[in-house]
């Protein structure tokens, strides 16, 4: 992943450059992945 692509993903999830001091690359990617899953409708939800 290139730096511009990483920064674009940070902007998509609402992280600023200052926020990046507080989080890891892995956390940013996890948040971005979960954001993509937010619109998925599941037939069965774990309860």
N, C-alpha and C. Protein backbone atom coordinates (compact mmCIF):
# COMPACT_ATOMS: atom_id res chain seq x y z
N UNK A 1 0.85 -1.16 0.00
CA UNK A 1 0.00 0.00 0.00
C UNK A 1 0.91 1.23 0.00
N UNK A 2 0.57 2.18 -0.84
CA UNK A 2 1.35 3.41 -0.93
C UNK A 2 0.91 4.40 0.15
N UNK A 3 1.76 5.35 0.44
CA UNK A 3 1.44 6.37 1.44
C UNK A 3 0.20 7.17 1.06
N UNK A 4 0.06 7.63 -0.20
CA UNK A 4 -1.16 8.36 -0.54
C UNK A 4 -2.43 7.54 -0.35
N UNK A 5 -2.38 6.25 -0.68
CA UNK A 5 -3.55 5.39 -0.49
C UNK A 5 -3.87 5.24 0.99
N UNK A 6 -2.85 5.07 1.82
CA UNK A 6 -3.06 4.96 3.26
C UNK A 6 -3.69 6.24 3.81
N UNK A 7 -3.19 7.39 3.39
CA UNK A 7 -3.74 8.66 3.86
C UNK A 7 -5.18 8.85 3.38
N UNK A 8 -5.49 8.40 2.17
CA UNK A 8 -6.86 8.47 1.68
C UNK A 8 -7.79 7.62 2.55
N UNK A 9 -7.35 6.43 2.90
CA UNK A 9 -8.15 5.57 3.77
C UNK A 9 -8.35 6.22 5.14
N UNK A 10 -7.33 6.89 5.65
CA UNK A 10 -7.46 7.60 6.92
C UNK A 10 -8.52 8.69 6.82
N UNK A 11 -8.51 9.43 5.73
CA UNK A 11 -9.51 10.48 5.54
C UNK A 11 -10.91 9.90 5.44
N UNK A 12 -11.04 8.76 4.77
CA UNK A 12 -12.36 8.13 4.61
C UNK A 12 -12.98 7.74 5.95
N UNK A 13 -12.15 7.39 6.93
CA UNK A 13 -12.69 7.00 8.24
C UNK A 13 -12.63 8.14 9.24
N UNK A 14 -12.21 9.32 8.79
CA UNK A 14 -12.27 10.50 9.64
C UNK A 14 -11.07 10.72 10.55
N UNK A 15 -9.93 10.13 10.23
CA UNK A 15 -8.73 10.34 11.03
C UNK A 15 -7.91 11.49 10.47
N UNK A 16 -7.42 12.33 11.34
CA UNK A 16 -6.55 13.42 10.91
C UNK A 16 -5.09 12.98 11.03
N UNK A 17 -4.20 13.80 10.52
CA UNK A 17 -2.76 13.51 10.62
C UNK A 17 -2.36 13.42 12.09
N UNK A 18 -2.90 14.27 12.92
CA UNK A 18 -2.59 14.23 14.36
C UNK A 18 -3.05 12.93 15.00
N UNK A 19 -4.19 12.41 14.54
CA UNK A 19 -4.71 11.15 15.09
C UNK A 19 -3.77 9.99 14.80
N UNK A 20 -3.00 10.08 13.73
CA UNK A 20 -2.13 8.97 13.34
C UNK A 20 -1.01 8.73 14.35
N UNK A 21 -0.71 9.72 15.19
CA UNK A 21 0.27 9.52 16.26
C UNK A 21 -0.24 8.55 17.31
N UNK A 22 -1.56 8.40 17.40
CA UNK A 22 -2.19 7.61 18.45
C UNK A 22 -2.55 6.19 18.03
N UNK A 23 -2.54 5.89 16.74
CA UNK A 23 -3.01 4.59 16.26
C UNK A 23 -1.93 3.89 15.43
N UNK A 24 -2.11 2.59 15.26
CA UNK A 24 -1.18 1.82 14.42
C UNK A 24 -1.77 1.66 13.02
N UNK A 25 -0.93 1.25 12.09
CA UNK A 25 -1.39 0.99 10.73
C UNK A 25 -2.45 -0.11 10.74
N UNK A 26 -2.22 -1.13 11.55
CA UNK A 26 -3.18 -2.23 11.64
C UNK A 26 -4.54 -1.78 12.11
N UNK A 27 -4.58 -0.88 13.09
CA UNK A 27 -5.85 -0.38 13.60
C UNK A 27 -6.58 0.41 12.52
N UNK A 28 -5.85 1.22 11.78
CA UNK A 28 -6.46 1.99 10.68
C UNK A 28 -7.08 1.04 9.66
N UNK A 29 -6.36 -0.01 9.30
CA UNK A 29 -6.88 -0.96 8.31
C UNK A 29 -8.08 -1.73 8.86
N UNK A 30 -8.06 -2.07 10.14
CA UNK A 30 -9.21 -2.75 10.76
C UNK A 30 -10.45 -1.86 10.76
N UNK A 31 -10.27 -0.59 11.11
CA UNK A 31 -11.40 0.35 11.12
C UNK A 31 -11.94 0.52 9.71
N UNK A 32 -11.05 0.64 8.74
CA UNK A 32 -11.47 0.82 7.35
C UNK A 32 -12.24 -0.40 6.85
N UNK A 33 -11.78 -1.60 7.22
CA UNK A 33 -12.47 -2.83 6.83
C UNK A 33 -13.85 -2.90 7.46
N UNK A 34 -13.95 -2.58 8.74
CA UNK A 34 -15.25 -2.61 9.42
C UNK A 34 -16.20 -1.57 8.83
N UNK A 35 -15.67 -0.42 8.42
CA UNK A 35 -16.51 0.60 7.77
C UNK A 35 -17.13 0.04 6.50
N UNK A 36 -16.36 -0.74 5.75
CA UNK A 36 -16.86 -1.34 4.52
C UNK A 36 -17.94 -2.38 4.82
N UNK A 37 -17.86 -3.02 5.99
CA UNK A 37 -18.84 -4.05 6.37
C UNK A 37 -20.12 -3.46 6.94
N UNK A 38 -20.14 -2.19 7.25
CA UNK A 38 -21.32 -1.56 7.87
C UNK A 38 -22.57 -1.65 7.00
N UNK A 39 -22.40 -1.65 5.70
CA UNK A 39 -23.56 -1.64 4.81
C UNK A 39 -24.05 -3.05 4.44
N UNK A 40 -23.37 -4.07 4.93
CA UNK A 40 -23.74 -5.46 4.60
C UNK A 40 -24.92 -5.89 5.46
N UNK A 41 -25.90 -6.50 4.82
CA UNK A 41 -27.06 -7.05 5.53
C UNK A 41 -26.85 -8.55 5.70
N UNK A 42 -26.95 -9.02 6.92
CA UNK A 42 -26.77 -10.44 7.20
C UNK A 42 -28.13 -11.09 7.45
N UNK A 43 -28.30 -12.32 6.96
CA UNK A 43 -29.55 -13.04 7.18
C UNK A 43 -29.70 -13.41 8.65
N UNK A 44 -28.60 -13.75 9.29
CA UNK A 44 -28.65 -14.15 10.69
C UNK A 44 -27.56 -13.39 11.44
N UNK A 45 -27.94 -12.82 12.57
CA UNK A 45 -27.01 -12.06 13.38
C UNK A 45 -26.76 -12.83 14.67
N UNK A 46 -25.50 -12.92 15.06
CA UNK A 46 -25.17 -13.62 16.31
C UNK A 46 -25.79 -12.87 17.48
N UNK A 47 -26.34 -13.60 18.41
CA UNK A 47 -27.01 -12.92 19.50
C UNK A 47 -26.49 -13.38 20.78
